Amino acid sequence: MELGAFSVSLAVKDIQASATFYESLGFTKHGGDIAQNRLILKNGETVLGLFQGMFERNSLTFNPGWDQNAGPLETFTDVRDLQRQLRASGADFLAEADEETTGPASFVVVDPDGNPVIVDQHV
């Protein structure tokens, strides 16, 4: 199962303080908008999302259709196909993609330790 680009999404209390901290570790801005309480940082191939007031918990995020630089892939497994595969394996969903649509969509499952896993397709 190819899930696409991987990042860790952190639920932060103070996005400016978190951005300053992670920049001190060598991360640089890659996307998002700190004024909208969302910032994507990158260090090498490592992608880190900072989100203030958007998530209750830190989450693992996968982006079907993107490479690690948020560039589109020529071929990828659509989020709805991934959802069907996971449903067939017995996964429980917190949120589901509408399988009657095409293009951008997302779903959320929770791992056995309670960590949200977000599969968020932007293409």
PDB file of N, CA and C in Angstrom:
ATOM      1  N   MET A   1       0.862  -1.171   0.000  1.00  0.00           N
ATOM      2  CA  MET A   1       0.000   0.000   0.000  1.00  0.00           C
ATOM      3  C   MET A   1       0.910   1.236   0.000  1.00  0.00           C
ATOM      4  N   GLU A   2       0.839   2.024  -1.043  1.00  0.00           N
ATOM      5  CA  GLU A   2       1.639   3.249  -1.174  1.00  0.00           C
ATOM      6  C   GLU A   2       0.816   4.421  -0.649  1.00  0.00           C
ATOM      7  N   LEU A   3       1.277   5.034   0.446  1.00  0.00           N
ATOM      8  CA  LEU A   3       0.523   6.097   1.098  1.00  0.00           C
ATOM      9  C   LEU A   3       0.943   7.497   0.688  1.00  0.00           C
ATOM     10  N   GLY A   4       2.053   7.642  -0.001  1.00  0.00           N
ATOM     11  CA  GLY A   4       2.512   8.960  -0.431  1.00  0.00           C
ATOM     12  C   GLY A   4       3.478   9.593   0.538  1.00  0.00           C
ATOM     13  N   ALA A   5       3.666  10.891   0.412  1.00  0.00           N
ATOM     14  CA  ALA A   5       4.616  11.636   1.236  1.00  0.00           C
ATOM     15  C   ALA A   5       4.227  11.512   2.711  1.00  0.00           C
ATOM     16  N   PHE A   6       5.235  11.500   3.575  1.00  0.00           N
ATOM     17  CA  PHE A   6       5.015  11.350   5.014  1.00  0.00           C
ATOM     18  C   PHE A   6       5.463  12.596   5.756  1.00  0.00           C
ATOM     19  N   SER A   7       4.684  12.971   6.773  1.00  0.00           N
ATOM     20  CA  SER A   7       5.092  14.035   7.684  1.00  0.00           C
ATOM     21  C   SER A   7       4.477  13.780   9.050  1.00  0.00           C
ATOM     22  N   VAL A   8       5.021  14.462  10.035  1.00  0.00           N
ATOM     23  CA  VAL A   8       4.450  14.455  11.369  1.00  0.00           C
ATOM     24  C   VAL A   8       3.749  15.792  11.547  1.00  0.00           C
ATOM     25  N   SER A   9       2.516  15.745  12.004  1.00  0.00           N
ATOM     26  CA  SER A   9       1.733  16.961  12.245  1.00  0.00           C
ATOM     27  C   SER A   9       1.640  17.170  13.748  1.00  0.00           C
ATOM     28  N   LEU A  10       2.213  18.276  14.221  1.00  0.00           N
ATOM     29  CA  LEU A  10       2.223  18.560  15.648  1.00  0.00           C
ATOM     30  C   LEU A  10       1.123  19.552  16.008  1.00  0.00           C
ATOM     31  N   ALA A  11       0.377  19.228  17.048  1.00  0.00           N
ATOM     32  CA  ALA A  11      -0.623  20.139  17.611  1.00  0.00           C
ATOM     33  C   ALA A  11       0.126  21.015  18.608  1.00  0.00           C
ATOM     34  N   VAL A  12       0.419  22.251  18.222  1.00  0.00           N
ATOM     35  CA  VAL A  12       1.250  23.130  19.050  1.00  0.00           C
ATOM     36  C   VAL A  12       0.407  24.165  19.777  1.00  0.00           C
ATOM     37  N   LYS A  13       0.923  24.632  20.907  1.00  0.00           N
ATOM     38  CA  LYS A  13       0.231  25.648  21.700  1.00  0.00           C
ATOM     39  C   LYS A  13       0.550  27.054  21.224  1.00  0.00           C
ATOM     40  N   ASP A  14       1.794  27.271  20.790  1.00  0.00           N
ATOM     41  CA  ASP A  14       2.252  28.594  20.339  1.00  0.00           C
ATOM     42  C   ASP A  14       3.053  28.382  19.064  1.00  0.00           C
ATOM     43  N   ILE A  15       2.426  28.618  17.923  1.00  0.00           N
ATOM     44  CA  ILE A  15       3.060  28.293  16.644  1.00  0.00           C
ATOM     45  C   ILE A  15       4.334  29.093  16.420  1.00  0.00           C
ATOM     46  N   GLN A  16       4.375  30.341  16.874  1.00  0.00           N
ATOM     47  CA  GLN A  16       5.592  31.143  16.696  1.00  0.00           C
ATOM     48  C   GLN A  16       6.749  30.571  17.510  1.00  0.00           C
ATOM     49  N   ALA A  17       6.487  30.196  18.756  1.00  0.00           N
ATOM     50  CA  ALA A  17       7.528  29.603  19.591  1.00  0.00           C
ATOM     51  C   ALA A  17       7.995  28.267  19.008  1.00  0.00           C
ATOM     52  N   SER A  18       7.053  27.471  18.517  1.00  0.00           N
ATOM     53  CA  SER A  18       7.418  26.174  17.930  1.00  0.00           C
ATOM     54  C   SER A  18       8.226  26.367  16.654  1.00  0.00           C
ATOM     55  N   ALA A  19       7.828  27.328  15.816  1.00  0.00           N
ATOM     56  CA  ALA A  19       8.576  27.600  14.578  1.00  0.00           C
ATOM     57  C   ALA A  19       9.998  28.016  14.904  1.00  0.00           C
ATOM     58  N   THR A  20      10.160  28.896  15.869  1.00  0.00           N
ATOM     59  CA  THR A  20      11.500  29.349  16.267  1.00  0.00           C
ATOM     60  C   THR A  20      12.335  28.177  16.762  1.00  0.00           C
ATOM     61  N   PHE A  21      11.732  27.307  17.572  1.00  0.00           N
ATOM     62  CA  PHE A  21      12.451  26.138  18.093  1.00  0.00           C
ATOM     63  C   PHE A  21      12.908  25.217  16.968  1.00  0.00           C
ATOM     64  N   TYR A  22      11.998  24.844  16.079  1.00  0.00           N
ATOM     65  CA  TYR A  22      12.358  23.901  15.021  1.00  0.00           C
ATOM     66  C   TYR A  22      13.304  24.529  13.997  1.00  0.00           C
ATOM     67  N   GLU A  23      13.200  25.820  13.782  1.00  0.00           N
ATOM     68  CA  GLU A  23      14.182  26.498  12.924  1.00  0.00           C
ATOM     69  C   GLU A  23      15.573  26.430  13.546  1.00  0.00           C
ATOM     70  N   SER A  24      15.657  26.464  14.886  1.00  0.00           N
ATOM     71  CA  SER A  24      16.964  26.337  15.546  1.00  0.00           C
ATOM     72  C   SER A  24      17.561  24.951  15.356  1.00  0.00           C
ATOM     73  N   LEU A  25      16.709  23.973  15.018  1.00  0.00           N
ATOM     74  CA  LEU A  25      17.173  22.609  14.723  1.00  0.00           C
ATOM     75  C   LEU A  25      17.484  22.420  13.243  1.00  0.00           C
ATOM     76  N   GLY A  26      17.381  23.496  12.458  1.00  0.00           N
ATOM     77  CA  GLY A  26      17.730  23.423  11.046  1.00  0.00           C
ATOM     78  C   GLY A  26      16.561  23.272  10.099  1.00  0.00           C
ATOM     79  N   PHE A  27      15.332  23.313  10.599  1.00  0.00           N
ATOM     80  CA  PHE A  27      14.171  23.244   9.720  1.00  0.00           C
ATOM     81  C   PHE A  27      13.956  24.606   9.061  1.00  0.00           C
ATOM     82  N   THR A  28      13.475  24.584   7.817  1.00  0.00           N
ATOM     83  CA  THR A  28      13.162  25.818   7.102  1.00  0.00           C
ATOM     84  C   THR A  28      11.721  25.751   6.602  1.00  0.00           C
ATOM     85  N   LYS A  29      11.136  26.929   6.370  1.00  0.00           N
ATOM     86  CA  LYS A  29       9.753  26.999   5.911  1.00  0.00           C
ATOM     87  C   LYS A  29       9.629  26.344   4.542  1.00  0.00           C
ATOM     88  N   HIS A  30       8.609  25.525   4.409  1.00  0.00           N
ATOM     89  CA  HIS A  30       8.357  24.815   3.153  1.00  0.00           C
ATOM     90  C   HIS A  30       6.957  25.122   2.620  1.00  0.00           C
ATOM     91  N   GLY A  31       6.056  25.552   3.491  1.00  0.00           N
ATOM     92  CA  GLY A  31       4.696  25.846   3.061  1.00  0.00           C
ATOM     93  C   GLY A  31       3.844  26.291   4.224  1.00  0.00           C
ATOM     94  N   GLY A  32       2.570  26.478   3.958  1.00  0.00           N
ATOM     95  CA  GLY A  32       1.646  26.911   4.987  1.00  0.00           C
ATOM     96  C   GLY A  32       1.718  28.403   5.214  1.00  0.00           C
ATOM     97  N   ASP A  33       1.032  28.852   6.239  1.00  0.00           N
ATOM     98  CA  ASP A  33       0.954  30.279   6.562  1.00  0.00           C
ATOM     99  C   ASP A  33       0.834  30.416   8.070  1.00  0.00           C
ATOM    100  N   ILE A  34       1.879  30.909   8.704  1.00  0.00           N
ATOM    101  CA  ILE A  34       1.877  31.033  10.165  1.00  0.00           C
ATOM    102  C   ILE A  34       0.729  31.920  10.641  1.00  0.00           C
ATOM    103  N   ALA A  35       0.314  32.902   9.837  1.00  0.00           N
ATOM    104  CA  ALA A  35      -0.806  33.771  10.202  1.00  0.00           C
ATOM    105  C   ALA A  35      -2.121  32.993  10.247  1.00  0.00           C
ATOM    106  N   GLN A  36      -2.176  31.846   9.554  1.00  0.00           N
ATOM    107  CA  GLN A  36      -3.359  30.987   9.575  1.00  0.00           C
ATOM    108  C   GLN A  36      -3.172  29.793  10.514  1.00  0.00           C
ATOM    109  N   ASN A  37      -2.141  29.873  11.357  1.00  0.00           N
ATOM    110  CA  ASN A  37      -1.844  28.847  12.363  1.00  0.00           C
ATOM    111  C   ASN A  37      -1.491  27.490  11.776  1.00  0.00           C
ATOM    112  N   ARG A  38      -0.875  27.487  10.602  1.00  0.00           N
ATOM    113  CA  ARG A  38      -0.390  26.238   9.994  1.00  0.00           C
ATOM    114  C   ARG A  38       0.906  26.549   9.262  1.00  0.00           C
ATOM    115  N   LEU A  39       1.926  25.756   9.535  1.00  0.00           N
ATOM    116  CA  LEU A  39       3.234  25.976   8.941  1.00  0.00           C
ATOM    117  C   LEU A  39       3.872  24.626   8.655  1.00  0.00           C
ATOM    118  N   ILE A  40       4.412  24.466   7.460  1.00  0.00           N
ATOM    119  CA  ILE A  40       5.104  23.239   7.087  1.00  0.00           C
ATOM    120  C   ILE A  40       6.591  23.554   7.028  1.00  0.00           C
ATOM    121  N   LEU A  41       7.382  22.767   7.744  1.00  0.00           N
ATOM    122  CA  LEU A  41       8.826  22.941   7.807  1.00  0.00           C
ATOM    123  C   LEU A  41       9.499  21.702   7.243  1.00  0.00           C
ATOM    124  N   LYS A  42      10.727  21.889   6.772  1.00  0.00           N
ATOM    125  CA  LYS A  42      11.453  20.772   6.180  1.00  0.00           C
ATOM    126  C   LYS A  42      12.919  20.837   6.597  1.00  0.00           C
ATOM    127  N   ASN A  43      13.502  19.671   6.839  1.00  0.00           N
ATOM    128  CA  ASN A  43      14.921  19.512   7.116  1.00  0.00           C
ATOM    129  C   ASN A  43      15.347  18.263   6.360  1.00  0.00           C
ATOM    130  N   GLY A  44      16.069  18.436   5.254  1.00  0.00           N
ATOM    131  CA  GLY A  44      16.375  17.296   4.385  1.00  0.00           C
ATOM    132  C   GLY A  44      15.083  16.747   3.830  1.00  0.00           C
ATOM    133  N   GLU A  45      14.851  15.455   3.993  1.00  0.00           N
ATOM    134  CA  GLU A  45      13.609  14.832   3.529  1.00  0.00           C
ATOM    135  C   GLU A  45      12.545  14.779   4.621  1.00  0.00           C
ATOM    136  N   THR A  46      12.869  15.289   5.807  1.00  0.00           N
ATOM    137  CA  THR A  46      11.933  15.249   6.925  1.00  0.00           C
ATOM    138  C   THR A  46      10.978  16.429   6.848  1.00  0.00           C
ATOM    139  N   VAL A  47       9.676  16.139   6.889  1.00  0.00           N
ATOM    140  CA  VAL A  47       8.646  17.172   6.817  1.00  0.00           C
ATOM    141  C   VAL A  47       7.891  17.187   8.139  1.00  0.00           C
ATOM    142  N   LEU A  48       7.731  18.395   8.680  1.00  0.00           N
ATOM    143  CA  LEU A  48       7.078  18.597   9.958  1.00  0.00           C
ATOM    144  C   LEU A  48       6.014  19.672   9.799  1.00  0.00           C
ATOM    145  N   GLY A  49       4.792  19.359  10.177  1.00  0.00           N
ATOM    146  CA  GLY A  49       3.715  20.348  10.141  1.00  0.00           C
ATOM    147  C   GLY A  49       3.436  20.856  11.541  1.00  0.00           C
ATOM    148  N   LEU A  50       3.318  22.168  11.686  1.00  0.00           N
ATOM    149  CA  LEU A  50       2.945  22.790  12.953  1.00  0.00           C
ATOM    150  C   LEU A  50       1.540  23.348  12.789  1.00  0.00           C
ATOM    151  N   PHE A  51       0.630  22.961  13.674  1.00  0.00           N
ATOM    152  CA  PHE A  51      -0.767  23.365  13.573  1.00  0.00           C
ATOM    153  C   PHE A  51      -1.261  23.813  14.942  1.00  0.00           C
ATOM    154  N   GLN A  52      -1.642  25.065  15.049  1.00  0.00           N
ATOM    155  CA  GLN A  52      -2.166  25.596  16.310  1.00  0.00           C
ATOM    156  C   GLN A  52      -3.683  25.670  16.229  1.00  0.00           C
ATOM    157  N   GLY A  53      -4.353  24.973  17.158  1.00  0.00           N
ATOM    158  CA  GLY A  53      -5.806  25.018  17.225  1.00  0.00           C
ATOM    159  C   GLY A  53      -6.524  24.217  16.155  1.00  0.00           C
ATOM    160  N   MET A  54      -5.829  23.350  15.451  1.00  0.00           N
ATOM    161  CA  MET A  54      -6.461  22.582  14.380  1.00  0.00           C
ATOM    162  C   MET A  54      -6.634  21.105  14.735  1.00  0.00           C
ATOM    163  N   PHE A  55      -5.734  20.567  15.545  1.00  0.00           N
ATOM    164  CA  PHE A  55      -5.787  19.162  15.935  1.00  0.00           C
ATOM    165  C   PHE A  55      -5.683  19.062  17.449  1.00  0.00           C
ATOM    166  N   GLU A  56      -6.313  18.040  18.014  1.00  0.00           N
ATOM    167  CA  GLU A  56      -6.202  17.810  19.448  1.00  0.00           C
ATOM    168  C   GLU A  56      -4.902  17.095  19.807  1.00  0.00           C
ATOM    169  N   ARG A  57      -4.423  16.244  18.895  1.00  0.00           N
ATOM    170  CA  ARG A  57      -3.240  15.413  19.180  1.00  0.00           C
ATOM    171  C   ARG A  57      -2.261  15.492  18.025  1.00  0.00           C
ATOM    172  N   ASN A  58      -1.021  15.170  18.331  1.00  0.00           N
ATOM    173  CA  ASN A  58      -0.032  15.001  17.268  1.00  0.00           C
ATOM    174  C   ASN A  58      -0.491  13.851  16.387  1.00  0.00           C
ATOM    175  N   SER A  59      -0.196  13.943  15.085  1.00  0.00           N
ATOM    176  CA  SER A  59      -0.688  12.947  14.136  1.00  0.00           C
ATOM    177  C   SER A  59       0.386  12.594  13.125  1.00  0.00           C
ATOM    178  N   LEU A  60       0.258  11.412  12.556  1.00  0.00           N
ATOM    179  CA  LEU A  60       1.052  11.009  11.401  1.00  0.00           C
ATOM    180  C   LEU A  60       0.235  11.379  10.176  1.00  0.00           C
ATOM    181  N   THR A  61       0.879  11.939   9.165  1.00  0.00           N
ATOM    182  CA  THR A  61       0.153  12.359   7.969  1.00  0.00           C
ATOM    183  C   THR A  61       0.800  11.779   6.724  1.00  0.00           C
ATOM    184  N   PHE A  62      -0.028  11.272   5.829  1.00  0.00           N
ATOM    185  CA  PHE A  62       0.428  10.774   4.533  1.00  0.00           C
ATOM    186  C   PHE A  62      -0.342  11.526   3.449  1.00  0.00           C
ATOM    187  N   ASN A  63       0.348  11.845   2.358  1.00  0.00           N
ATOM    188  CA  ASN A  63      -0.271  12.591   1.258  1.00  0.00           C
ATOM    189  C   ASN A  63      -0.136  11.816  -0.046  1.00  0.00           C
ATOM    190  N   PRO A  64      -1.158  11.005  -0.403  1.00  0.00           N
ATOM    191  CA  PRO A  64      -1.130  10.322  -1.689  1.00  0.00           C
ATOM    192  C   PRO A  64      -1.044  11.339  -2.825  1.00  0.00           C
ATOM    193  N   GLY A  65      -0.246  11.029  -3.825  1.00  0.00           N
ATOM    194  CA  GLY A  65      -0.128  11.905  -4.983  1.00  0.00           C
ATOM    195  C   GLY A  65       0.982  12.929  -4.878  1.00  0.00           C
ATOM    196  N   TRP A  66       1.651  12.996  -3.724  1.00  0.00           N
ATOM    197  CA  TRP A  66       2.761  13.937  -3.528  1.00  0.00           C
ATOM    198  C   TRP A  66       4.049  13.202  -3.230  1.00  0.00           C
ATOM    199  N   ASP A  67       5.175  13.793  -3.676  1.00  0.00           N
ATOM    200  CA  ASP A  67       6.484  13.347  -3.224  1.00  0.00           C
ATOM    201  C   ASP A  67       6.840  14.152  -1.961  1.00  0.00           C
ATOM    202  N   GLN A  68       8.010  13.928  -1.379  1.00  0.00           N
ATOM    203  CA  GLN A  68       8.390  14.600  -0.132  1.00  0.00           C
ATOM    204  C   GLN A  68       8.565  16.112  -0.292  1.00  0.00           C
ATOM    205  N   ASN A  69       8.564  16.623  -1.516  1.00  0.00           N
ATOM    206  CA  ASN A  69       8.659  18.063  -1.747  1.00  0.00           C
ATOM    207  C   ASN A  69       7.307  18.667  -2.107  1.00  0.00           C
ATOM    208  N   ALA A  70       6.224  17.918  -1.882  1.00  0.00           N
ATOM    209  CA  ALA A  70       4.864  18.331  -2.223  1.00  0.00           C
ATOM    210  C   ALA A  70       4.691  18.515  -3.728  1.00  0.00           C
ATOM    211  N   GLY A  71       5.514  17.804  -4.491  1.00  0.00           N
ATOM    212  CA  GLY A  71       5.369  17.797  -5.943  1.00  0.00           C
ATOM    213  C   GLY A  71       4.455  16.665  -6.361  1.00  0.00           C
ATOM    214  N   PRO A  72       3.674  16.860  -7.405  1.00  0.00           N
ATOM    215  CA  PRO A  72       2.739  15.813  -7.831  1.00  0.00           C
ATOM    216  C   PRO A  72       3.456  14.599  -8.420  1.00  0.00           C
ATOM    217  N   LEU A  73       2.919  13.422  -8.123  1.00  0.00           N
ATOM    218  CA  LEU A  73       3.425  12.172  -8.690  1.00  0.00           C
ATOM    219  C   LEU A  73       2.622  11.847  -9.946  1.00  0.00           C
ATOM    220  N   GLU A  74       3.275  11.230 -10.918  1.00  0.00           N
ATOM    221  CA  GLU A  74       2.570  10.851 -12.150  1.00  0.00           C
ATOM    222  C   GLU A  74       1.520   9.783 -11.879  1.00  0.00           C
ATOM    223  N   THR A  75       1.858   8.822 -11.039  1.00  0.00           N
ATOM    224  CA  THR A  75       0.907   7.768 -10.681  1.00  0.00           C
ATOM    225  C   THR A  75       0.901   7.607  -9.165  1.00  0.00           C
ATOM    226  N   PHE A  76      -0.264   7.298  -8.625  1.00  0.00           N
ATOM    227  CA  PHE A  76      -0.399   7.073  -7.188  1.00  0.00           C
ATOM    228  C   PHE A  76      -1.725   6.371  -6.926  1.00  0.00           C
ATOM    229  N   THR A  77      -1.858   5.829  -5.739  1.00  0.00           N
ATOM    230  CA  THR A  77      -3.106   5.183  -5.334  1.00  0.00           C
ATOM    231  C   THR A  77      -4.023   6.237  -4.722  1.00  0.00           C
ATOM    232  N   ASP A  78      -5.216   6.371  -5.267  1.00  0.00           N
ATOM    233  CA  ASP A  78      -6.170   7.357  -4.804  1.00  0.00           C
ATOM    234  C   ASP A  78      -6.586   7.075  -3.361  1.00  0.00           C
ATOM    235  N   VAL A  79      -6.826   8.158  -2.614  1.00  0.00           N
ATOM    236  CA  VAL A  79      -7.197   8.052  -1.206  1.00  0.00           C
ATOM    237  C   VAL A  79      -8.430   7.168  -1.005  1.00  0.00           C
ATOM    238  N   ARG A  80      -9.372   7.191  -1.932  1.00  0.00           N
ATOM    239  CA  ARG A  80     -10.573   6.372  -1.801  1.00  0.00           C
ATOM    240  C   ARG A  80     -10.252   4.881  -1.945  1.00  0.00           C
ATOM    241  N   ASP A  81      -9.299   4.545  -2.816  1.00  0.00           N
ATOM    242  CA  ASP A  81      -8.866   3.147  -2.944  1.00  0.00           C
ATOM    243  C   ASP A  81      -8.157   2.691  -1.672  1.00  0.00           C
ATOM    244  N   LEU A  82      -7.335   3.563  -1.101  1.00  0.00           N
ATOM    245  CA  LEU A  82      -6.661   3.236   0.162  1.00  0.00           C
ATOM    246  C   LEU A  82      -7.695   3.016   1.264  1.00  0.00           C
ATOM    247  N   GLN A  83      -8.703   3.856   1.300  1.00  0.00           N
ATOM    248  CA  GLN A  83      -9.760   3.733   2.305  1.00  0.00           C
ATOM    249  C   GLN A  83     -10.485   2.398   2.164  1.00  0.00           C
ATOM    250  N   ARG A  84     -10.800   2.015   0.932  1.00  0.00           N
ATOM    251  CA  ARG A  84     -11.481   0.726   0.712  1.00  0.00           C
ATOM    252  C   ARG A  84     -10.601  -0.435   1.178  1.00  0.00           C
ATOM    253  N   GLN A  85      -9.303  -0.369   0.897  1.00  0.00           N
ATOM    254  CA  GLN A  85      -8.386  -1.425   1.333  1.00  0.00           C
ATOM    255  C   GLN A  85      -8.352  -1.518   2.861  1.00  0.00           C
ATOM    256  N   LEU A  86      -8.275  -0.371   3.521  1.00  0.00           N
ATOM    257  CA  LEU A  86      -8.240  -0.372   4.986  1.00  0.00           C
ATOM    258  C   LEU A  86      -9.562  -0.840   5.588  1.00  0.00           C
ATOM    259  N   ARG A  87     -10.671  -0.432   4.984  1.00  0.00           N
ATOM    260  CA  ARG A  87     -11.973  -0.877   5.475  1.00  0.00           C
ATOM    261  C   ARG A  87     -12.073  -2.403   5.373  1.00  0.00           C
ATOM    262  N   ALA A  88     -11.602  -2.963   4.267  1.00  0.00           N
ATOM    263  CA  ALA A  88     -11.637  -4.418   4.069  1.00  0.00           C
ATOM    264  C   ALA A  88     -10.792  -5.147   5.113  1.00  0.00           C
ATOM    265  N   SER A  89      -9.756  -4.465   5.627  1.00  0.00           N
ATOM    266  CA  SER A  89      -8.911  -5.094   6.647  1.00  0.00           C
ATOM    267  C   SER A  89      -9.446  -4.865   8.057  1.00  0.00           C
ATOM    268  N   GLY A  90     -10.591  -4.176   8.175  1.00  0.00           N
ATOM    269  CA  GLY A  90     -11.235  -4.003   9.470  1.00  0.00           C
ATOM    270  C   GLY A  90     -10.904  -2.717  10.199  1.00  0.00           C
ATOM    271  N   ALA A  91     -10.279  -1.753   9.533  1.00  0.00           N
ATOM    272  CA  ALA A  91      -9.920  -0.494  10.184  1.00  0.00           C
ATOM    273  C   ALA A  91     -11.166   0.287  10.579  1.00  0.00           C
ATOM    274  N   ASP A  92     -11.041   0.999  11.696  1.00  0.00           N
ATOM    275  CA  ASP A  92     -12.093   1.912  12.126  1.00  0.00           C
ATOM    276  C   ASP A  92     -11.693   3.325  11.734  1.00  0.00           C
ATOM    277  N   PHE A  93     -12.641   4.106  11.248  1.00  0.00           N
ATOM    278  CA  PHE A  93     -12.379   5.444  10.749  1.00  0.00           C
ATOM    279  C   PHE A  93     -12.974   6.502  11.676  1.00  0.00           C
ATOM    280  N   LEU A  94     -12.200   7.566  11.909  1.00  0.00           N
ATOM    281  CA  LEU A  94     -12.718   8.743  12.597  1.00  0.00           C
ATOM    282  C   LEU A  94     -13.398   9.674  11.599  1.00  0.00           C
ATOM    283  N   ALA A  95     -12.858   9.701  10.395  1.00  0.00           N
ATOM    284  CA  ALA A  95     -13.414  10.506   9.300  1.00  0.00           C
ATOM    285  C   ALA A  95     -13.163   9.726   8.016  1.00  0.00           C
ATOM    286  N   GLU A  96     -14.056   9.887   7.049  1.00  0.00           N
ATOM    287  CA  GLU A  96     -13.940   9.151   5.793  1.00  0.00           C
ATOM    288  C   GLU A  96     -14.018  10.078   4.589  1.00  0.00           C
ATOM    289  N   ALA A  97     -13.334   9.665   3.523  1.00  0.00           N
ATOM    290  CA  ALA A  97     -13.440  10.354   2.236  1.00  0.00           C
ATOM    291  C   ALA A  97     -14.747   9.933   1.575  1.00  0.00           C
ATOM    292  N   ASP A  98     -15.375  10.855   0.895  1.00  0.00           N
ATOM    293  CA  ASP A  98     -16.595  10.553   0.131  1.00  0.00           C
ATOM    294  C   ASP A  98     -16.172   9.777  -1.112  1.00  0.00           C
ATOM    295  N   GLU A  99     -16.569   8.531  -1.199  1.00  0.00           N
ATOM    296  CA  GLU A  99     -16.141   7.675  -2.299  1.00  0.00           C
ATOM    297  C   GLU A  99     -16.852   7.977  -3.608  1.00  0.00           C
ATOM    298  N   GLU A 100     -17.797   8.888  -3.596  1.00  0.00           N
ATOM    299  CA  GLU A 100     -18.488   9.292  -4.819  1.00  0.00           C
ATOM    300  C   GLU A 100     -17.792  10.466  -5.500  1.00  0.00           C
ATOM    301  N   THR A 101     -16.723  10.981  -4.902  1.00  0.00           N
ATOM    302  CA  THR A 101     -16.018  12.139  -5.443  1.00  0.00           C
ATOM    303  C   THR A 101     -14.694  11.725  -6.062  1.00  0.00           C
ATOM    304  N   THR A 102     -14.030  12.682  -6.696  1.00  0.00           N
ATOM    305  CA  THR A 102     -12.676  12.508  -7.206  1.00  0.00           C
ATOM    306  C   THR A 102     -11.854  13.695  -6.722  1.00  0.00           C
ATOM    307  N   GLY A 103     -10.545  13.594  -6.854  1.00  0.00           N
ATOM    308  CA  GLY A 103      -9.673  14.701  -6.470  1.00  0.00           C
ATOM    309  C   GLY A 103      -9.393  14.723  -4.982  1.00  0.00           C
ATOM    310  N   PRO A 104      -9.139  15.926  -4.445  1.00  0.00           N
ATOM    311  CA  PRO A 104      -8.764  16.049  -3.032  1.00  0.00           C
ATOM    312  C   PRO A 104      -9.801  15.431  -2.092  1.00  0.00           C
ATOM    313  N   ALA A 105      -9.283  14.709  -1.098  1.00  0.00           N
ATOM    314  CA  ALA A 105     -10.129  14.089  -0.076  1.00  0.00           C
ATOM    315  C   ALA A 105      -9.210  13.542   1.014  1.00  0.00           C
ATOM    316  N   SER A 106      -9.801  13.183   2.140  1.00  0.00           N
ATOM    317  CA  SER A 106      -8.985  12.646   3.225  1.00  0.00           C
ATOM    318  C   SER A 106      -9.800  11.695   4.084  1.00  0.00           C
ATOM    319  N   PHE A 107      -9.077  10.898   4.877  1.00  0.00           N
ATOM    320  CA  PHE A 107      -9.691  10.079   5.907  1.00  0.00           C
ATOM    321  C   PHE A 107      -8.746  10.016   7.091  1.00  0.00           C
ATOM    322  N   VAL A 108      -9.284   9.603   8.239  1.00  0.00           N
ATOM    323  CA  VAL A 108      -8.483   9.481   9.454  1.00  0.00           C
ATOM    324  C   VAL A 108      -8.792   8.145  10.114  1.00  0.00           C
ATOM    325  N   VAL A 109      -7.734   7.402  10.425  1.00  0.00           N
ATOM    326  CA  VAL A 109      -7.832   6.184  11.223  1.00  0.00           C
ATOM    327  C   VAL A 109      -6.976   6.397  12.475  1.00  0.00           C
ATOM    328  N   VAL A 110      -7.138   5.531  13.458  1.00  0.00           N
ATOM    329  CA  VAL A 110      -6.377   5.644  14.700  1.00  0.00           C
ATOM    330  C   VAL A 110      -5.609   4.351  14.910  1.00  0.00           C
ATOM    331  N   ASP A 111      -4.312   4.485  15.229  1.00  0.00           N
ATOM    332  CA  ASP A 111      -3.506   3.288  15.452  1.00  0.00           C
ATOM    333  C   ASP A 111      -3.828   2.694  16.829  1.00  0.00           C
ATOM    334  N   PRO A 112      -3.317   1.498  17.143  1.00  0.00           N
ATOM    335  CA  PRO A 112      -3.664   0.843  18.406  1.00  0.00           C
ATOM    336  C   PRO A 112      -3.303   1.639  19.668  1.00  0.00           C
ATOM    337  N   ASP A 113      -2.391   2.610  19.544  1.00  0.00           N
ATOM    338  CA  ASP A 113      -2.009   3.426  20.688  1.00  0.00           C
ATOM    339  C   ASP A 113      -2.753   4.760  20.756  1.00  0.00           C
ATOM    340  N   GLY A 114      -3.730   4.943  19.879  1.00  0.00           N
ATOM    341  CA  GLY A 114      -4.529   6.157  19.902  1.00  0.00           C
ATOM    342  C   GLY A 114      -3.996   7.297  19.070  1.00  0.00           C
ATOM    343  N   ASN A 115      -2.965   7.050  18.268  1.00  0.00           N
ATOM    344  CA  ASN A 115      -2.401   8.100  17.421  1.00  0.00           C
ATOM    345  C   ASN A 115      -3.206   8.231  16.132  1.00  0.00           C
ATOM    346  N   PRO A 116      -3.699   9.433  15.828  1.00  0.00           N
ATOM    347  CA  PRO A 116      -4.405   9.629  14.565  1.00  0.00           C
ATOM    348  C   PRO A 116      -3.449   9.477  13.375  1.00  0.00           C
ATOM    349  N   VAL A 117      -3.921   8.833  12.342  1.00  0.00           N
ATOM    350  CA  VAL A 117      -3.200   8.710  11.084  1.00  0.00           C
ATOM    351  C   VAL A 117      -4.094   9.361  10.020  1.00  0.00           C
ATOM    352  N   ILE A 118      -3.609  10.476   9.483  1.00  0.00           N
ATOM    353  CA  ILE A 118      -4.370  11.246   8.503  1.00  0.00           C
ATOM    354  C   ILE A 118      -3.847  10.903   7.118  1.00  0.00           C
ATOM    355  N   VAL A 119      -4.726  10.534   6.215  1.00  0.00           N
ATOM    356  CA  VAL A 119      -4.361  10.321   4.817  1.00  0.00           C
ATOM    357  C   VAL A 119      -5.088  11.409   4.045  1.00  0.00           C
ATOM    358  N   ASP A 120      -4.306  12.377   3.563  1.00  0.00           N
ATOM    359  CA  ASP A 120      -4.854  13.627   3.032  1.00  0.00           C
ATOM    360  C   ASP A 120      -4.332  13.869   1.625  1.00  0.00           C
ATOM    361  N   GLN A 121      -5.174  13.633   0.646  1.00  0.00           N
ATOM    362  CA  GLN A 121      -4.810  13.791  -0.767  1.00  0.00           C
ATOM    363  C   GLN A 121      -5.168  15.196  -1.240  1.00  0.00           C
ATOM    364  N   HIS A 122      -4.199  15.916  -1.794  1.00  0.00           N
ATOM    365  CA  HIS A 122      -4.409  17.297  -2.254  1.00  0.00           C
ATOM    366  C   HIS A 122      -4.580  17.415  -3.761  1.00  0.00           C
ATOM    367  N   VAL A 123      -4.386  16.336  -4.505  1.00  0.00           N
ATOM    368  CA  VAL A 123      -4.473  16.383  -5.968  1.00  0.00           C
ATOM    369  C   VAL A 123      -5.661  15.579  -6.468  1.00  0.00           C
TER     370      VAL A 123
END
